[in-house]
Amino acid sequence: MAVNQDIFSAFHQALDSPEPVLKVRDLARSELEHGVSRSEVLGQLESLRIELRGGGRSEQEDVVLDVMDFVSGWSSPHMQL
């Protein structure tokens, strides 16, 4: 799946922020609000996760997995997207 490089870059910046979970979640929410399908957002996050795993960045991979849970509904109701 081709990933929009702008959102991919934004995800990377969010991962380097002081609150990466909230920042990546906000970006995912924005994507959904702008008409990107849930499955496409999950695909974007999966591509990012694979890259992070390949780079040995397990803490950041965990952040992405958390946000994937929010998008797919596997989280507390207040965090679901």
N, C-alpha and C. Protein backbone atom coordinates (compact mmCIF):
# COMPACT_ATOMS: atom_id res chain seq x y z
N MET A 1 0.84 -1.18 0.00
CA MET A 1 0.00 0.00 0.00
C MET A 1 0.89 1.24 0.00
N ALA A 2 0.59 2.14 -0.90
CA ALA A 2 1.34 3.40 -0.95
C ALA A 2 0.86 4.31 0.17
N VAL A 3 1.80 4.90 0.86
CA VAL A 3 1.46 5.78 1.97
C VAL A 3 1.73 7.21 1.55
N ASN A 4 0.78 8.09 1.80
CA ASN A 4 0.95 9.52 1.57
C ASN A 4 2.16 9.97 2.37
N GLN A 5 3.17 10.49 1.67
CA GLN A 5 4.42 10.86 2.34
C GLN A 5 4.23 11.99 3.35
N ASP A 6 3.26 12.88 3.11
CA ASP A 6 3.01 13.96 4.06
C ASP A 6 2.55 13.41 5.40
N ILE A 7 1.59 12.47 5.38
CA ILE A 7 1.10 11.91 6.64
C ILE A 7 2.17 11.03 7.27
N PHE A 8 2.94 10.34 6.45
CA PHE A 8 4.00 9.50 6.97
C PHE A 8 5.03 10.35 7.71
N SER A 9 5.39 11.48 7.13
CA SER A 9 6.32 12.42 7.76
C SER A 9 5.72 12.98 9.05
N ALA A 10 4.43 13.31 9.01
CA ALA A 10 3.76 13.83 10.21
C ALA A 10 3.74 12.78 11.32
N PHE A 11 3.49 11.52 10.96
CA PHE A 11 3.52 10.45 11.97
C PHE A 11 4.90 10.38 12.62
N HIS A 12 5.95 10.48 11.81
CA HIS A 12 7.31 10.42 12.36
C HIS A 12 7.57 11.59 13.32
N GLN A 13 7.13 12.78 12.95
CA GLN A 13 7.30 13.92 13.84
C GLN A 13 6.53 13.70 15.14
N ALA A 14 5.32 13.17 15.04
CA ALA A 14 4.50 12.92 16.22
C ALA A 14 5.17 11.90 17.14
N LEU A 15 5.80 10.90 16.56
CA LEU A 15 6.48 9.89 17.37
C LEU A 15 7.65 10.47 18.16
N ASP A 16 8.22 11.56 17.68
CA ASP A 16 9.34 12.20 18.37
C ASP A 16 8.88 13.28 19.35
N SER A 17 7.57 13.46 19.49
CA SER A 17 7.05 14.49 20.37
C SER A 17 7.03 14.00 21.83
N PRO A 18 6.83 14.91 22.78
CA PRO A 18 6.77 14.51 24.19
C PRO A 18 5.57 13.60 24.51
N GLU A 19 4.50 13.68 23.73
CA GLU A 19 3.31 12.84 23.95
C GLU A 19 2.96 12.11 22.66
N PRO A 20 3.78 11.12 22.29
CA PRO A 20 3.60 10.49 20.98
C PRO A 20 2.26 9.80 20.79
N VAL A 21 1.73 9.15 21.81
CA VAL A 21 0.46 8.44 21.64
C VAL A 21 -0.65 9.43 21.28
N LEU A 22 -0.72 10.53 22.01
CA LEU A 22 -1.78 11.51 21.74
C LEU A 22 -1.58 12.19 20.39
N LYS A 23 -0.35 12.47 20.03
CA LYS A 23 -0.08 13.15 18.75
C LYS A 23 -0.39 12.24 17.56
N VAL A 24 0.02 10.98 17.63
CA VAL A 24 -0.28 10.05 16.54
C VAL A 24 -1.79 9.80 16.47
N ARG A 25 -2.42 9.70 17.62
CA ARG A 25 -3.88 9.53 17.67
C ARG A 25 -4.58 10.73 17.01
N ASP A 26 -4.12 11.94 17.31
CA ASP A 26 -4.70 13.14 16.70
C ASP A 26 -4.56 13.12 15.18
N LEU A 27 -3.42 12.68 14.69
CA LEU A 27 -3.22 12.59 13.25
C LEU A 27 -4.14 11.55 12.62
N ALA A 28 -4.29 10.42 13.29
CA ALA A 28 -5.20 9.38 12.78
C ALA A 28 -6.63 9.91 12.76
N ARG A 29 -7.02 10.61 13.80
CA ARG A 29 -8.37 11.19 13.85
C ARG A 29 -8.56 12.19 12.71
N SER A 30 -7.57 13.01 12.46
CA SER A 30 -7.65 13.98 11.38
C SER A 30 -7.82 13.29 10.03
N GLU A 31 -7.08 12.23 9.82
CA GLU A 31 -7.21 11.46 8.58
C GLU A 31 -8.65 10.97 8.42
N LEU A 32 -9.21 10.41 9.48
CA LEU A 32 -10.59 9.91 9.43
C LEU A 32 -11.58 11.04 9.16
N GLU A 33 -11.36 12.17 9.81
CA GLU A 33 -12.25 13.32 9.62
C GLU A 33 -12.17 13.90 8.21
N HIS A 34 -11.04 13.67 7.53
CA HIS A 34 -10.87 14.17 6.17
C HIS A 34 -11.25 13.12 5.13
N GLY A 35 -11.97 12.10 5.56
CA GLY A 35 -12.53 11.14 4.62
C GLY A 35 -11.68 9.94 4.28
N VAL A 36 -10.54 9.81 4.93
CA VAL A 36 -9.73 8.62 4.71
C VAL A 36 -10.41 7.46 5.43
N SER A 37 -10.55 6.34 4.76
CA SER A 37 -11.26 5.21 5.36
C SER A 37 -10.47 4.63 6.54
N ARG A 38 -11.19 3.99 7.42
CA ARG A 38 -10.58 3.34 8.58
C ARG A 38 -9.52 2.33 8.13
N SER A 39 -9.84 1.56 7.10
CA SER A 39 -8.88 0.55 6.62
C SER A 39 -7.62 1.21 6.04
N GLU A 40 -7.78 2.37 5.38
CA GLU A 40 -6.60 3.07 4.86
C GLU A 40 -5.74 3.61 6.00
N VAL A 41 -6.37 4.17 7.02
CA VAL A 41 -5.61 4.67 8.18
C VAL A 41 -4.87 3.52 8.84
N LEU A 42 -5.53 2.39 8.99
CA LEU A 42 -4.85 1.22 9.57
C LEU A 42 -3.69 0.78 8.69
N GLY A 43 -3.86 0.87 7.37
CA GLY A 43 -2.78 0.53 6.45
C GLY A 43 -1.60 1.47 6.58
N GLN A 44 -1.88 2.76 6.75
CA GLN A 44 -0.81 3.74 6.96
C GLN A 44 -0.04 3.41 8.23
N LEU A 45 -0.79 3.13 9.28
CA LEU A 45 -0.15 2.82 10.57
C LEU A 45 0.62 1.51 10.50
N GLU A 46 0.10 0.53 9.77
CA GLU A 46 0.79 -0.75 9.63
C GLU A 46 2.11 -0.56 8.87
N SER A 47 2.11 0.25 7.84
CA SER A 47 3.36 0.53 7.10
C SER A 47 4.38 1.18 8.02
N LEU A 48 3.92 2.11 8.83
CA LEU A 48 4.80 2.78 9.79
C LEU A 48 5.33 1.77 10.81
N ARG A 49 4.46 0.92 11.31
CA ARG A 49 4.85 -0.08 12.30
C ARG A 49 5.94 -1.01 11.75
N ILE A 50 5.75 -1.44 10.52
CA ILE A 50 6.74 -2.33 9.88
C ILE A 50 8.10 -1.64 9.77
N GLU A 51 8.08 -0.38 9.38
CA GLU A 51 9.34 0.38 9.29
C GLU A 51 10.01 0.48 10.65
N LEU A 52 9.23 0.79 11.68
CA LEU A 52 9.77 0.94 13.03
C LEU A 52 10.35 -0.38 13.53
N ARG A 53 9.63 -1.47 13.28
CA ARG A 53 10.12 -2.79 13.71
C ARG A 53 11.46 -3.09 13.03
N GLY A 54 11.53 -2.81 11.74
CA GLY A 54 12.76 -3.06 10.98
C GLY A 54 13.93 -2.24 11.50
N GLY A 55 13.62 -1.09 12.07
CA GLY A 55 14.67 -0.22 12.61
C GLY A 55 14.95 -0.46 14.09
N GLY A 56 14.32 -1.48 14.67
CA GLY A 56 14.55 -1.78 16.08
C GLY A 56 14.01 -0.74 17.03
N ARG A 57 12.96 -0.03 16.61
CA ARG A 57 12.39 1.05 17.43
C ARG A 57 11.11 0.55 18.10
N SER A 58 11.27 -0.39 19.02
CA SER A 58 10.13 -1.09 19.62
C SER A 58 9.22 -0.17 20.44
N GLU A 59 9.78 0.82 21.12
CA GLU A 59 8.93 1.73 21.90
C GLU A 59 8.00 2.51 20.99
N GLN A 60 8.53 2.99 19.87
CA GLN A 60 7.69 3.72 18.93
C GLN A 60 6.71 2.78 18.22
N GLU A 61 7.13 1.56 17.98
CA GLU A 61 6.22 0.57 17.40
C GLU A 61 5.04 0.34 18.34
N ASP A 62 5.30 0.29 19.64
CA ASP A 62 4.22 0.12 20.63
C ASP A 62 3.23 1.27 20.57
N VAL A 63 3.72 2.48 20.37
CA VAL A 63 2.84 3.65 20.23
C VAL A 63 1.90 3.44 19.04
N VAL A 64 2.47 3.02 17.91
CA VAL A 64 1.66 2.82 16.71
C VAL A 64 0.64 1.70 16.94
N LEU A 65 1.04 0.64 17.61
CA LEU A 65 0.10 -0.44 17.91
C LEU A 65 -1.05 0.06 18.79
N ASP A 66 -0.74 0.92 19.75
CA ASP A 66 -1.79 1.50 20.59
C ASP A 66 -2.79 2.28 19.74
N VAL A 67 -2.27 3.10 18.84
CA VAL A 67 -3.16 3.92 18.01
C VAL A 67 -3.96 3.03 17.05
N MET A 68 -3.35 1.97 16.57
CA MET A 68 -4.10 1.03 15.73
C MET A 68 -5.28 0.45 16.51
N ASP A 69 -5.07 0.17 17.79
CA ASP A 69 -6.16 -0.31 18.65
C ASP A 69 -7.26 0.75 18.75
N PHE A 70 -6.89 2.01 18.88
CA PHE A 70 -7.88 3.09 18.97
C PHE A 70 -8.72 3.15 17.69
N VAL A 71 -8.05 3.01 16.56
CA VAL A 71 -8.74 3.10 15.27
C VAL A 71 -9.66 1.90 15.06
N SER A 72 -9.22 0.73 15.48
CA SER A 72 -10.01 -0.48 15.26
C SER A 72 -11.06 -0.73 16.34
N GLY A 73 -11.02 0.08 17.42
CA GLY A 73 -12.03 -0.05 18.47
C GLY A 73 -11.64 -0.92 19.64
N TRP A 74 -10.40 -1.39 19.67
CA TRP A 74 -9.93 -2.23 20.76
C TRP A 74 -9.27 -1.38 21.84
N SER A 75 -10.08 -0.55 22.47
CA SER A 75 -9.55 0.33 23.52
C SER A 75 -10.69 0.82 24.38
N SER A 76 -10.35 1.57 25.41
CA SER A 76 -11.37 2.21 26.23
C SER A 76 -12.21 3.12 25.35
N PRO A 77 -13.50 3.20 25.63
CA PRO A 77 -14.38 4.02 24.78
C PRO A 77 -13.91 5.45 24.59
N HIS A 78 -13.31 6.06 25.60
CA HIS A 78 -12.89 7.45 25.46
C HIS A 78 -11.69 7.63 24.54
N MET A 79 -10.99 6.56 24.21
CA MET A 79 -9.84 6.66 23.32
C MET A 79 -10.14 6.18 21.89
N GLN A 80 -11.28 5.53 21.70
CA GLN A 80 -11.63 5.02 20.36
C GLN A 80 -11.82 6.15 19.38
N LEU A 81 -11.48 5.86 18.14
CA LEU A 81 -11.66 6.84 17.05
C LEU A 81 -12.77 6.37 16.13
